[in-house]
Amino acid sequence: MHTLIDLEIAHLARVMSASMAGDLAGPILPAAYWRERLHQLLDSQHLTNAQLRSIDVLLLQLDELEAQSSNSHAHGVAISTS
């Protein structure tokens, strides 16, 4: 049986990456939004080890997505001003 927290983790895993990829204007929702959602889950009581690991993986993925987003925008600005 899936709990509400399991469903929320699955939802975040599905949509966070696409939202961070965004479009030419940048992410649809900023990394801070996703980080807050993940930390709210961490504040939940009675998380299982599997849930904690899943949230940790998503936080690491978010760090990578944020770095990629920052790098792509930095390169975009450099290219457009040359």
PDB file of N, CA and C in Angstrom:
ATOM      1  N   MET A   1       0.844  -1.190   0.000  1.00  0.00           N
ATOM      2  CA  MET A   1       0.000   0.000   0.000  1.00  0.00           C
ATOM      3  C   MET A   1       0.879   1.239   0.000  1.00  0.00           C
ATOM      4  N   HIS A   2       0.569   2.151  -0.891  1.00  0.00           N
ATOM      5  CA  HIS A   2       1.323   3.387  -0.973  1.00  0.00           C
ATOM      6  C   HIS A   2       0.711   4.427  -0.055  1.00  0.00           C
ATOM      7  N   THR A   3       1.588   5.122   0.645  1.00  0.00           N
ATOM      8  CA  THR A   3       1.124   6.200   1.505  1.00  0.00           C
ATOM      9  C   THR A   3       1.100   7.499   0.714  1.00  0.00           C
ATOM     10  N   LEU A   4       0.508   8.499   1.304  1.00  0.00           N
ATOM     11  CA  LEU A   4       0.476   9.816   0.685  1.00  0.00           C
ATOM     12  C   LEU A   4       1.900  10.318   0.429  1.00  0.00           C
ATOM     13  N   ILE A   5       2.806  10.041   1.342  1.00  0.00           N
ATOM     14  CA  ILE A   5       4.197  10.471   1.176  1.00  0.00           C
ATOM     15  C   ILE A   5       4.836   9.756  -0.015  1.00  0.00           C
ATOM     16  N   ASP A   6       4.568   8.462  -0.175  1.00  0.00           N
ATOM     17  CA  ASP A   6       5.097   7.733  -1.330  1.00  0.00           C
ATOM     18  C   ASP A   6       4.583   8.334  -2.635  1.00  0.00           C
ATOM     19  N   LEU A   7       3.320   8.690  -2.654  1.00  0.00           N
ATOM     20  CA  LEU A   7       2.728   9.288  -3.850  1.00  0.00           C
ATOM     21  C   LEU A   7       3.347  10.655  -4.136  1.00  0.00           C
ATOM     22  N   GLU A   8       3.597  11.422  -3.097  1.00  0.00           N
ATOM     23  CA  GLU A   8       4.214  12.743  -3.264  1.00  0.00           C
ATOM     24  C   GLU A   8       5.648  12.603  -3.785  1.00  0.00           C
ATOM     25  N   ILE A   9       6.392  11.655  -3.242  1.00  0.00           N
ATOM     26  CA  ILE A   9       7.763  11.417  -3.714  1.00  0.00           C
ATOM     27  C   ILE A   9       7.742  11.023  -5.189  1.00  0.00           C
ATOM     28  N   ALA A  10       6.840  10.140  -5.561  1.00  0.00           N
ATOM     29  CA  ALA A  10       6.728   9.705  -6.957  1.00  0.00           C
ATOM     30  C   ALA A  10       6.364  10.879  -7.860  1.00  0.00           C
ATOM     31  N   HIS A  11       5.465  11.723  -7.404  1.00  0.00           N
ATOM     32  CA  HIS A  11       5.066  12.900  -8.181  1.00  0.00           C
ATOM     33  C   HIS A  11       6.257  13.834  -8.390  1.00  0.00           C
ATOM     34  N   LEU A  12       6.985  14.116  -7.323  1.00  0.00           N
ATOM     35  CA  LEU A  12       8.137  15.005  -7.434  1.00  0.00           C
ATOM     36  C   LEU A  12       9.198  14.416  -8.362  1.00  0.00           C
ATOM     37  N   ALA A  13       9.384  13.119  -8.290  1.00  0.00           N
ATOM     38  CA  ALA A  13      10.358  12.463  -9.173  1.00  0.00           C
ATOM     39  C   ALA A  13       9.963  12.616 -10.637  1.00  0.00           C
ATOM     40  N   ARG A  14       8.675  12.619 -10.913  1.00  0.00           N
ATOM     41  CA  ARG A  14       8.195  12.747 -12.301  1.00  0.00           C
ATOM     42  C   ARG A  14       8.294  14.175 -12.825  1.00  0.00           C
ATOM     43  N   VAL A  15       7.932  15.164 -12.021  1.00  0.00           N
ATOM     44  CA  VAL A  15       7.768  16.519 -12.552  1.00  0.00           C
ATOM     45  C   VAL A  15       8.943  17.462 -12.298  1.00  0.00           C
ATOM     46  N   MET A  16       9.753  17.190 -11.305  1.00  0.00           N
ATOM     47  CA  MET A  16      10.820  18.110 -10.936  1.00  0.00           C
ATOM     48  C   MET A  16      11.814  18.312 -12.088  1.00  0.00           C
ATOM     49  N   SER A  17      12.239  17.246 -12.704  1.00  0.00           N
ATOM     50  CA  SER A  17      13.225  17.330 -13.775  1.00  0.00           C
ATOM     51  C   SER A  17      12.692  18.138 -14.955  1.00  0.00           C
ATOM     52  N   ALA A  18      11.472  17.859 -15.368  1.00  0.00           N
ATOM     53  CA  ALA A  18      10.877  18.585 -16.501  1.00  0.00           C
ATOM     54  C   ALA A  18      10.719  20.065 -16.171  1.00  0.00           C
ATOM     55  N   SER A  19      10.329  20.366 -14.952  1.00  0.00           N
ATOM     56  CA  SER A  19      10.150  21.752 -14.549  1.00  0.00           C
ATOM     57  C   SER A  19      11.479  22.495 -14.531  1.00  0.00           C
ATOM     58  N   MET A  20      12.527  21.827 -14.062  1.00  0.00           N
ATOM     59  CA  MET A  20      13.845  22.459 -14.014  1.00  0.00           C
ATOM     60  C   MET A  20      14.424  22.641 -15.408  1.00  0.00           C
ATOM     61  N   ALA A  21      14.073  21.754 -16.348  1.00  0.00           N
ATOM     62  CA  ALA A  21      14.554  21.898 -17.723  1.00  0.00           C
ATOM     63  C   ALA A  21      13.944  23.153 -18.335  1.00  0.00           C
ATOM     64  N   GLY A  22      12.675  23.386 -18.037  1.00  0.00           N
ATOM     65  CA  GLY A  22      12.000  24.608 -18.455  1.00  0.00           C
ATOM     66  C   GLY A  22      12.065  24.875 -19.933  1.00  0.00           C
ATOM     67  N   ASP A  23      12.315  26.135 -20.267  1.00  0.00           N
ATOM     68  CA  ASP A  23      12.393  26.555 -21.659  1.00  0.00           C
ATOM     69  C   ASP A  23      13.526  27.567 -21.780  1.00  0.00           C
ATOM     70  N   LEU A  24      13.533  28.326 -22.829  1.00  0.00           N
ATOM     71  CA  LEU A  24      14.615  29.296 -23.045  1.00  0.00           C
ATOM     72  C   LEU A  24      14.689  30.358 -21.951  1.00  0.00           C
ATOM     73  N   ALA A  25      13.576  30.594 -21.276  1.00  0.00           N
ATOM     74  CA  ALA A  25      13.557  31.596 -20.203  1.00  0.00           C
ATOM     75  C   ALA A  25      14.059  31.020 -18.880  1.00  0.00           C
ATOM     76  N   GLY A  26      14.293  29.733 -18.832  1.00  0.00           N
ATOM     77  CA  GLY A  26      14.786  29.115 -17.611  1.00  0.00           C
ATOM     78  C   GLY A  26      13.783  28.142 -17.040  1.00  0.00           C
ATOM     79  N   PRO A  27      14.045  27.683 -15.820  1.00  0.00           N
ATOM     80  CA  PRO A  27      13.158  26.710 -15.185  1.00  0.00           C
ATOM     81  C   PRO A  27      11.745  27.251 -15.022  1.00  0.00           C
ATOM     82  N   ILE A  28      10.774  26.355 -15.117  1.00  0.00           N
ATOM     83  CA  ILE A  28       9.376  26.740 -14.917  1.00  0.00           C
ATOM     84  C   ILE A  28       9.153  27.109 -13.458  1.00  0.00           C
ATOM     85  N   LEU A  29       9.669  26.269 -12.569  1.00  0.00           N
ATOM     86  CA  LEU A  29       9.667  26.557 -11.135  1.00  0.00           C
ATOM     87  C   LEU A  29      11.109  26.476 -10.649  1.00  0.00           C
ATOM     88  N   PRO A  30      11.536  27.389  -9.795  1.00  0.00           N
ATOM     89  CA  PRO A  30      12.939  27.432  -9.378  1.00  0.00           C
ATOM     90  C   PRO A  30      13.307  26.278  -8.444  1.00  0.00           C
ATOM     91  N   ALA A  31      14.593  26.030  -8.353  1.00  0.00           N
ATOM     92  CA  ALA A  31      15.109  24.974  -7.486  1.00  0.00           C
ATOM     93  C   ALA A  31      14.668  25.187  -6.035  1.00  0.00           C
ATOM     94  N   ALA A  32      14.568  26.430  -5.608  1.00  0.00           N
ATOM     95  CA  ALA A  32      14.158  26.715  -4.226  1.00  0.00           C
ATOM     96  C   ALA A  32      12.767  26.143  -3.933  1.00  0.00           C
ATOM     97  N   TYR A  33      11.880  26.215  -4.914  1.00  0.00           N
ATOM     98  CA  TYR A  33      10.535  25.663  -4.743  1.00  0.00           C
ATOM     99  C   TYR A  33      10.610  24.155  -4.508  1.00  0.00           C
ATOM    100  N   TRP A  34      11.365  23.461  -5.354  1.00  0.00           N
ATOM    101  CA  TRP A  34      11.468  22.001  -5.225  1.00  0.00           C
ATOM    102  C   TRP A  34      12.184  21.608  -3.939  1.00  0.00           C
ATOM    103  N   ARG A  35      13.206  22.382  -3.580  1.00  0.00           N
ATOM    104  CA  ARG A  35      13.941  22.085  -2.346  1.00  0.00           C
ATOM    105  C   ARG A  35      13.012  22.238  -1.136  1.00  0.00           C
ATOM    106  N   GLU A  36      12.172  23.259  -1.142  1.00  0.00           N
ATOM    107  CA  GLU A  36      11.220  23.458  -0.044  1.00  0.00           C
ATOM    108  C   GLU A  36      10.240  22.285   0.040  1.00  0.00           C
ATOM    109  N   ARG A  37       9.726  21.841  -1.105  1.00  0.00           N
ATOM    110  CA  ARG A  37       8.798  20.699  -1.116  1.00  0.00           C
ATOM    111  C   ARG A  37       9.473  19.450  -0.551  1.00  0.00           C
ATOM    112  N   LEU A  38      10.715  19.218  -0.949  1.00  0.00           N
ATOM    113  CA  LEU A  38      11.426  18.033  -0.458  1.00  0.00           C
ATOM    114  C   LEU A  38      11.711  18.140   1.042  1.00  0.00           C
ATOM    115  N   HIS A  39      12.067  19.317   1.504  1.00  0.00           N
ATOM    116  CA  HIS A  39      12.328  19.497   2.939  1.00  0.00           C
ATOM    117  C   HIS A  39      11.044  19.378   3.760  1.00  0.00           C
ATOM    118  N   GLN A  40       9.915  19.768   3.187  1.00  0.00           N
ATOM    119  CA  GLN A  40       8.640  19.555   3.879  1.00  0.00           C
ATOM    120  C   GLN A  40       8.395  18.060   4.079  1.00  0.00           C
ATOM    121  N   LEU A  41       8.726  17.277   3.066  1.00  0.00           N
ATOM    122  CA  LEU A  41       8.587  15.829   3.209  1.00  0.00           C
ATOM    123  C   LEU A  41       9.529  15.299   4.281  1.00  0.00           C
ATOM    124  N   LEU A  42      10.756  15.817   4.318  1.00  0.00           N
ATOM    125  CA  LEU A  42      11.710  15.374   5.341  1.00  0.00           C
ATOM    126  C   LEU A  42      11.218  15.697   6.749  1.00  0.00           C
ATOM    127  N   ASP A  43      10.428  16.749   6.872  1.00  0.00           N
ATOM    128  CA  ASP A  43       9.890  17.124   8.177  1.00  0.00           C
ATOM    129  C   ASP A  43       8.724  16.241   8.613  1.00  0.00           C
ATOM    130  N   SER A  44       8.249  15.388   7.702  1.00  0.00           N
ATOM    131  CA  SER A  44       7.144  14.478   8.039  1.00  0.00           C
ATOM    132  C   SER A  44       7.609  13.481   9.097  1.00  0.00           C
ATOM    133  N   GLN A  45       6.665  13.050   9.875  1.00  0.00           N
ATOM    134  CA  GLN A  45       6.989  12.064  10.904  1.00  0.00           C
ATOM    135  C   GLN A  45       6.896  10.664  10.322  1.00  0.00           C
ATOM    136  N   HIS A  46       7.694   9.770  10.877  1.00  0.00           N
ATOM    137  CA  HIS A  46       7.618   8.339  10.567  1.00  0.00           C
ATOM    138  C   HIS A  46       7.957   8.004   9.120  1.00  0.00           C
ATOM    139  N   LEU A  47       8.987   8.648   8.568  1.00  0.00           N
ATOM    140  CA  LEU A  47       9.435   8.284   7.230  1.00  0.00           C
ATOM    141  C   LEU A  47      10.190   6.961   7.298  1.00  0.00           C
ATOM    142  N   THR A  48       9.987   6.138   6.303  1.00  0.00           N
ATOM    143  CA  THR A  48      10.726   4.875   6.239  1.00  0.00           C
ATOM    144  C   THR A  48      12.119   5.154   5.685  1.00  0.00           C
ATOM    145  N   ASN A  49      13.013   4.188   5.837  1.00  0.00           N
ATOM    146  CA  ASN A  49      14.353   4.337   5.280  1.00  0.00           C
ATOM    147  C   ASN A  49      14.288   4.496   3.759  1.00  0.00           C
ATOM    148  N   ALA A  50      13.411   3.767   3.112  1.00  0.00           N
ATOM    149  CA  ALA A  50      13.268   3.869   1.664  1.00  0.00           C
ATOM    150  C   ALA A  50      12.804   5.269   1.260  1.00  0.00           C
ATOM    151  N   GLN A  51      11.884   5.842   2.010  1.00  0.00           N
ATOM    152  CA  GLN A  51      11.406   7.196   1.714  1.00  0.00           C
ATOM    153  C   GLN A  51      12.525   8.213   1.916  1.00  0.00           C
ATOM    154  N   LEU A  52      13.284   8.065   2.990  1.00  0.00           N
ATOM    155  CA  LEU A  52      14.407   8.966   3.238  1.00  0.00           C
ATOM    156  C   LEU A  52      15.432   8.884   2.114  1.00  0.00           C
ATOM    157  N   ARG A  53      15.736   7.674   1.666  1.00  0.00           N
ATOM    158  CA  ARG A  53      16.689   7.510   0.563  1.00  0.00           C
ATOM    159  C   ARG A  53      16.159   8.135  -0.722  1.00  0.00           C
ATOM    160  N   SER A  54      14.875   7.947  -0.997  1.00  0.00           N
ATOM    161  CA  SER A  54      14.275   8.523  -2.211  1.00  0.00           C
ATOM    162  C   SER A  54      14.342  10.045  -2.186  1.00  0.00           C
ATOM    163  N   ILE A  55      14.051  10.634  -1.054  1.00  0.00           N
ATOM    164  CA  ILE A  55      14.109  12.097  -0.924  1.00  0.00           C
ATOM    165  C   ILE A  55      15.546  12.575  -1.074  1.00  0.00           C
ATOM    166  N   ASP A  56      16.487  11.847  -0.494  1.00  0.00           N
ATOM    167  CA  ASP A  56      17.899  12.193  -0.606  1.00  0.00           C
ATOM    168  C   ASP A  56      18.349  12.153  -2.070  1.00  0.00           C
ATOM    169  N   VAL A  57      17.929  11.124  -2.786  1.00  0.00           N
ATOM    170  CA  VAL A  57      18.261  11.021  -4.214  1.00  0.00           C
ATOM    171  C   VAL A  57      17.680  12.212  -4.980  1.00  0.00           C
ATOM    172  N   LEU A  58      16.456  12.596  -4.664  1.00  0.00           N
ATOM    173  CA  LEU A  58      15.835  13.736  -5.339  1.00  0.00           C
ATOM    174  C   LEU A  58      16.560  15.044  -5.021  1.00  0.00           C
ATOM    175  N   LEU A  59      17.027  15.197  -3.793  1.00  0.00           N
ATOM    176  CA  LEU A  59      17.787  16.399  -3.440  1.00  0.00           C
ATOM    177  C   LEU A  59      19.105  16.452  -4.211  1.00  0.00           C
ATOM    178  N   LEU A  60      19.766  15.318  -4.343  1.00  0.00           N
ATOM    179  CA  LEU A  60      21.008  15.271  -5.128  1.00  0.00           C
ATOM    180  C   LEU A  60      20.725  15.559  -6.601  1.00  0.00           C
ATOM    181  N   GLN A  61      19.646  15.000  -7.120  1.00  0.00           N
ATOM    182  CA  GLN A  61      19.249  15.252  -8.506  1.00  0.00           C
ATOM    183  C   GLN A  61      18.948  16.739  -8.702  1.00  0.00           C
ATOM    184  N   LEU A  62      18.292  17.344  -7.733  1.00  0.00           N
ATOM    185  CA  LEU A  62      17.975  18.767  -7.811  1.00  0.00           C
ATOM    186  C   LEU A  62      19.252  19.591  -7.855  1.00  0.00           C
ATOM    187  N   ASP A  63      20.243  19.238  -7.054  1.00  0.00           N
ATOM    188  CA  ASP A  63      21.529  19.947  -7.094  1.00  0.00           C
ATOM    189  C   ASP A  63      22.136  19.886  -8.491  1.00  0.00           C
ATOM    190  N   GLU A  64      22.100  18.706  -9.108  1.00  0.00           N
ATOM    191  CA  GLU A  64      22.646  18.539 -10.457  1.00  0.00           C
ATOM    192  C   GLU A  64      21.847  19.354 -11.478  1.00  0.00           C
ATOM    193  N   LEU A  65      20.523  19.301 -11.377  1.00  0.00           N
ATOM    194  CA  LEU A  65      19.679  20.055 -12.310  1.00  0.00           C
ATOM    195  C   LEU A  65      19.903  21.552 -12.173  1.00  0.00           C
ATOM    196  N   GLU A  66      20.070  22.000 -10.950  1.00  0.00           N
ATOM    197  CA  GLU A  66      20.301  23.428 -10.708  1.00  0.00           C
ATOM    198  C   GLU A  66      21.640  23.859 -11.299  1.00  0.00           C
ATOM    199  N   ALA A  67      22.661  23.026 -11.135  1.00  0.00           N
ATOM    200  CA  ALA A  67      23.971  23.337 -11.701  1.00  0.00           C
ATOM    201  C   ALA A  67      23.908  23.364 -13.222  1.00  0.00           C
ATOM    202  N   GLN A  68      23.217  22.404 -13.818  1.00  0.00           N
ATOM    203  CA  GLN A  68      23.070  22.369 -15.277  1.00  0.00           C
ATOM    204  C   GLN A  68      22.333  23.604 -15.774  1.00  0.00           C
ATOM    205  N   SER A  69      21.281  23.979 -15.070  1.00  0.00           N
ATOM    206  CA  SER A  69      20.499  25.153 -15.455  1.00  0.00           C
ATOM    207  C   SER A  69      21.351  26.413 -15.376  1.00  0.00           C
ATOM    208  N   SER A  70      22.119  26.539 -14.323  1.00  0.00           N
ATOM    209  CA  SER A  70      22.989  27.712 -14.160  1.00  0.00           C
ATOM    210  C   SER A  70      24.043  27.758 -15.252  1.00  0.00           C
ATOM    211  N   ASN A  71      24.631  26.602 -15.570  1.00  0.00           N
ATOM    212  CA  ASN A  71      25.663  26.549 -16.605  1.00  0.00           C
ATOM    213  C   ASN A  71      25.095  26.874 -17.974  1.00  0.00           C
ATOM    214  N   SER A  72      23.927  26.351 -18.284  1.00  0.00           N
ATOM    215  CA  SER A  72      23.358  26.599 -19.607  1.00  0.00           C
ATOM    216  C   SER A  72      22.976  28.064 -19.777  1.00  0.00           C
ATOM    217  N   HIS A  73      22.508  28.699 -18.724  1.00  0.00           N
ATOM    218  CA  HIS A  73      22.156  30.118 -18.823  1.00  0.00           C
ATOM    219  C   HIS A  73      23.406  30.981 -18.884  1.00  0.00           C
ATOM    220  N   ALA A  74      24.462  30.583 -18.184  1.00  0.00           N
ATOM    221  CA  ALA A  74      25.712  31.338 -18.245  1.00  0.00           C
ATOM    222  C   ALA A  74      26.300  31.260 -19.649  1.00  0.00           C
ATOM    223  N   HIS A  75      26.256  30.093 -20.257  1.00  0.00           N
ATOM    224  CA  HIS A  75      26.765  29.939 -21.622  1.00  0.00           C
ATOM    225  C   HIS A  75      25.883  30.679 -22.612  1.00  0.00           C
ATOM    226  N   GLY A  76      24.580  30.668 -22.393  1.00  0.00           N
ATOM    227  CA  GLY A  76      23.660  31.371 -23.281  1.00  0.00           C
ATOM    228  C   GLY A  76      23.916  32.860 -23.279  1.00  0.00           C
ATOM    229  N   VAL A  77      24.175  33.422 -22.111  1.00  0.00           N
ATOM    230  CA  VAL A  77      24.451  34.844 -22.000  1.00  0.00           C
ATOM    231  C   VAL A  77      25.767  35.168 -22.676  1.00  0.00           C
ATOM    232  N   ALA A  78      26.791  34.328 -22.467  1.00  0.00           N
ATOM    233  CA  ALA A  78      28.099  34.550 -23.068  1.00  0.00           C
ATOM    234  C   ALA A  78      28.020  34.503 -24.591  1.00  0.00           C
ATOM    235  N   ILE A  79      27.237  33.580 -25.115  1.00  0.00           N
ATOM    236  CA  ILE A  79      27.116  33.439 -26.551  1.00  0.00           C
ATOM    237  C   ILE A  79      26.368  34.629 -27.138  1.00  0.00           C
ATOM    238  N   SER A  80      25.330  35.085 -26.481  1.00  0.00           N
ATOM    239  CA  SER A  80      24.517  36.156 -27.052  1.00  0.00           C
ATOM    240  C   SER A  80      25.206  37.515 -26.987  1.00  0.00           C
ATOM    241  N   THR A  81      26.186  37.681 -26.101  1.00  0.00           N
ATOM    242  CA  THR A  81      26.859  38.971 -25.989  1.00  0.00           C
ATOM    243  C   THR A  81      28.132  39.033 -26.797  1.00  0.00           C
ATOM    244  N   SER A  82      28.546  37.936 -27.380  1.00  0.00           N
ATOM    245  CA  SER A  82      29.797  37.917 -28.168  1.00  0.00           C
ATOM    246  C   SER A  82      29.602  38.509 -29.530  1.00  0.00           C
TER     247      SER A  82
END
